[in-house]
Amino acid sequence: MAILSLMAAASAWVLTGPLGTIAAVVLGFVALKQIKQRDEGGRELVIMALVAAGVSVVLGTLLLISGIAMLSSL
């Protein structure tokens, strides 16, 4: 589950955009819960995926705001 979350976060940068980000966050929190319950490894991968998804959200929001600002100045 941790690897799937990381793959979804990585694909959000290139292919899927917001859908990949949503998938990465959902899979990440599910993976964290499983890792805690089963005392497994992979917590670092999940944290990397959640950070990448967070950065994707911030960059997407900044791009959206700058696009709106550019269009309103026309």
C-alpha atoms as a PDB file:
ATOM      1  CA  MET A   1       0.000   0.000   0.000  1.00  0.00           C
ATOM      2  CA  ALA A   2       2.903   2.355   0.755  1.00  0.00           C
ATOM      3  CA  ILE A   3       4.395   1.804  -2.687  1.00  0.00           C
ATOM      4  CA  LEU A   4       1.034   2.440  -4.351  1.00  0.00           C
ATOM      5  CA  SER A   5       0.716   5.703  -2.469  1.00  0.00           C
ATOM      6  CA  LEU A   6       4.181   6.798  -3.565  1.00  0.00           C
ATOM      7  CA  MET A   7       3.446   5.817  -7.179  1.00  0.00           C
ATOM      8  CA  ALA A   8       0.185   7.796  -7.132  1.00  0.00           C
ATOM      9  CA  ALA A   9       1.986  10.845  -5.767  1.00  0.00           C
ATOM     10  CA  ALA A  10       4.681  10.560  -8.432  1.00  0.00           C
ATOM     11  CA  SER A  11       2.112  10.148 -11.193  1.00  0.00           C
ATOM     12  CA  ALA A  12       0.321  13.273  -9.981  1.00  0.00           C
ATOM     13  CA  TRP A  13       3.340  15.292 -11.055  1.00  0.00           C
ATOM     14  CA  VAL A  14       3.366  13.864 -14.579  1.00  0.00           C
ATOM     15  CA  LEU A  15       0.132  12.170 -15.608  1.00  0.00           C
ATOM     16  CA  THR A  16      -2.909  12.337 -13.409  1.00  0.00           C
ATOM     17  CA  GLY A  17      -2.819  15.716 -11.687  1.00  0.00           C
ATOM     18  CA  PRO A  18      -5.412  16.145  -8.926  1.00  0.00           C
ATOM     19  CA  LEU A  19      -6.686  12.567  -9.186  1.00  0.00           C
ATOM     20  CA  GLY A  20      -3.235  11.197  -8.436  1.00  0.00           C
ATOM     21  CA  THR A  21      -2.901  13.542  -5.493  1.00  0.00           C
ATOM     22  CA  ILE A  22      -6.224  12.441  -4.033  1.00  0.00           C
ATOM     23  CA  ALA A  23      -5.303   8.787  -4.545  1.00  0.00           C
ATOM     24  CA  ALA A  24      -1.906   9.325  -2.916  1.00  0.00           C
ATOM     25  CA  VAL A  25      -3.448  10.927   0.164  1.00  0.00           C
ATOM     26  CA  VAL A  26      -6.149   8.266   0.564  1.00  0.00           C
ATOM     27  CA  LEU A  27      -3.746   5.376  -0.005  1.00  0.00           C
ATOM     28  CA  GLY A  28      -1.194   7.022   2.274  1.00  0.00           C
ATOM     29  CA  PHE A  29      -3.528   7.268   5.231  1.00  0.00           C
ATOM     30  CA  VAL A  30      -4.791   3.714   4.674  1.00  0.00           C
ATOM     31  CA  ALA A  31      -1.186   2.512   4.512  1.00  0.00           C
ATOM     32  CA  LEU A  32      -0.269   4.356   7.716  1.00  0.00           C
ATOM     33  CA  LYS A  33      -3.169   2.694   9.491  1.00  0.00           C
ATOM     34  CA  GLN A  34      -2.136  -0.751   8.229  1.00  0.00           C
ATOM     35  CA  ILE A  35       1.500  -0.173   9.143  1.00  0.00           C
ATOM     36  CA  LYS A  36       0.494   0.800  12.674  1.00  0.00           C
ATOM     37  CA  GLN A  37      -1.883  -2.144  13.101  1.00  0.00           C
ATOM     38  CA  ARG A  38       0.446  -4.784  11.660  1.00  0.00           C
ATOM     39  CA  ASP A  39       3.714  -3.294  12.939  1.00  0.00           C
ATOM     40  CA  GLU A  40       5.219  -3.338   9.432  1.00  0.00           C
ATOM     41  CA  GLY A  41       7.803  -1.237   7.651  1.00  0.00           C
ATOM     42  CA  GLY A  42       7.244   1.326   4.938  1.00  0.00           C
ATOM     43  CA  ARG A  43       6.296   4.302   7.058  1.00  0.00           C
ATOM     44  CA  GLU A  44       9.013   6.408   5.400  1.00  0.00           C
ATOM     45  CA  LEU A  45       7.592   5.684   1.935  1.00  0.00           C
ATOM     46  CA  VAL A  46       4.142   6.774   3.034  1.00  0.00           C
ATOM     47  CA  ILE A  47       5.478   9.978   4.544  1.00  0.00           C
ATOM     48  CA  MET A  48       7.359  10.730   1.317  1.00  0.00           C
ATOM     49  CA  ALA A  49       4.152  10.161  -0.668  1.00  0.00           C
ATOM     50  CA  LEU A  50       2.124  12.427   1.611  1.00  0.00           C
ATOM     51  CA  VAL A  51       4.777  15.164   1.412  1.00  0.00           C
ATOM     52  CA  ALA A  52       4.868  14.879  -2.389  1.00  0.00           C
ATOM     53  CA  ALA A  53       1.066  15.071  -2.500  1.00  0.00           C
ATOM     54  CA  GLY A  54       1.134  18.127  -0.236  1.00  0.00           C
ATOM     55  CA  VAL A  55       3.709  19.844  -2.438  1.00  0.00           C
ATOM     56  CA  SER A  56       1.567  19.002  -5.461  1.00  0.00           C
ATOM     57  CA  VAL A  57      -1.470  20.615  -3.837  1.00  0.00           C
ATOM     58  CA  VAL A  58       0.482  23.756  -2.938  1.00  0.00           C
ATOM     59  CA  LEU A  59       1.993  24.107  -6.415  1.00  0.00           C
ATOM     60  CA  GLY A  60      -1.340  23.447  -8.093  1.00  0.00           C
ATOM     61  CA  THR A  61      -3.015  26.076  -5.936  1.00  0.00           C
ATOM     62  CA  LEU A  62      -0.294  28.615  -6.697  1.00  0.00           C
ATOM     63  CA  LEU A  63      -0.610  27.925 -10.425  1.00  0.00           C
ATOM     64  CA  LEU A  64      -4.368  28.295 -10.254  1.00  0.00           C
ATOM     65  CA  ILE A  65      -4.135  31.586  -8.361  1.00  0.00           C
ATOM     66  CA  SER A  66      -1.500  32.970 -10.732  1.00  0.00           C
ATOM     67  CA  GLY A  67      -3.577  31.924 -13.740  1.00  0.00           C
ATOM     68  CA  ILE A  68      -6.653  33.639 -12.369  1.00  0.00           C
ATOM     69  CA  ALA A  69      -4.604  36.755 -11.599  1.00  0.00           C
ATOM     70  CA  MET A  70      -3.203  36.815 -15.138  1.00  0.00           C
ATOM     71  CA  LEU A  71      -6.652  36.420 -16.692  1.00  0.00           C
ATOM     72  CA  SER A  72      -8.179  39.116 -14.522  1.00  0.00           C
ATOM     73  CA  SER A  73      -5.467  41.587 -15.533  1.00  0.00           C
ATOM     74  CA  LEU A  74      -6.370  41.282 -19.226  1.00  0.00           C
END
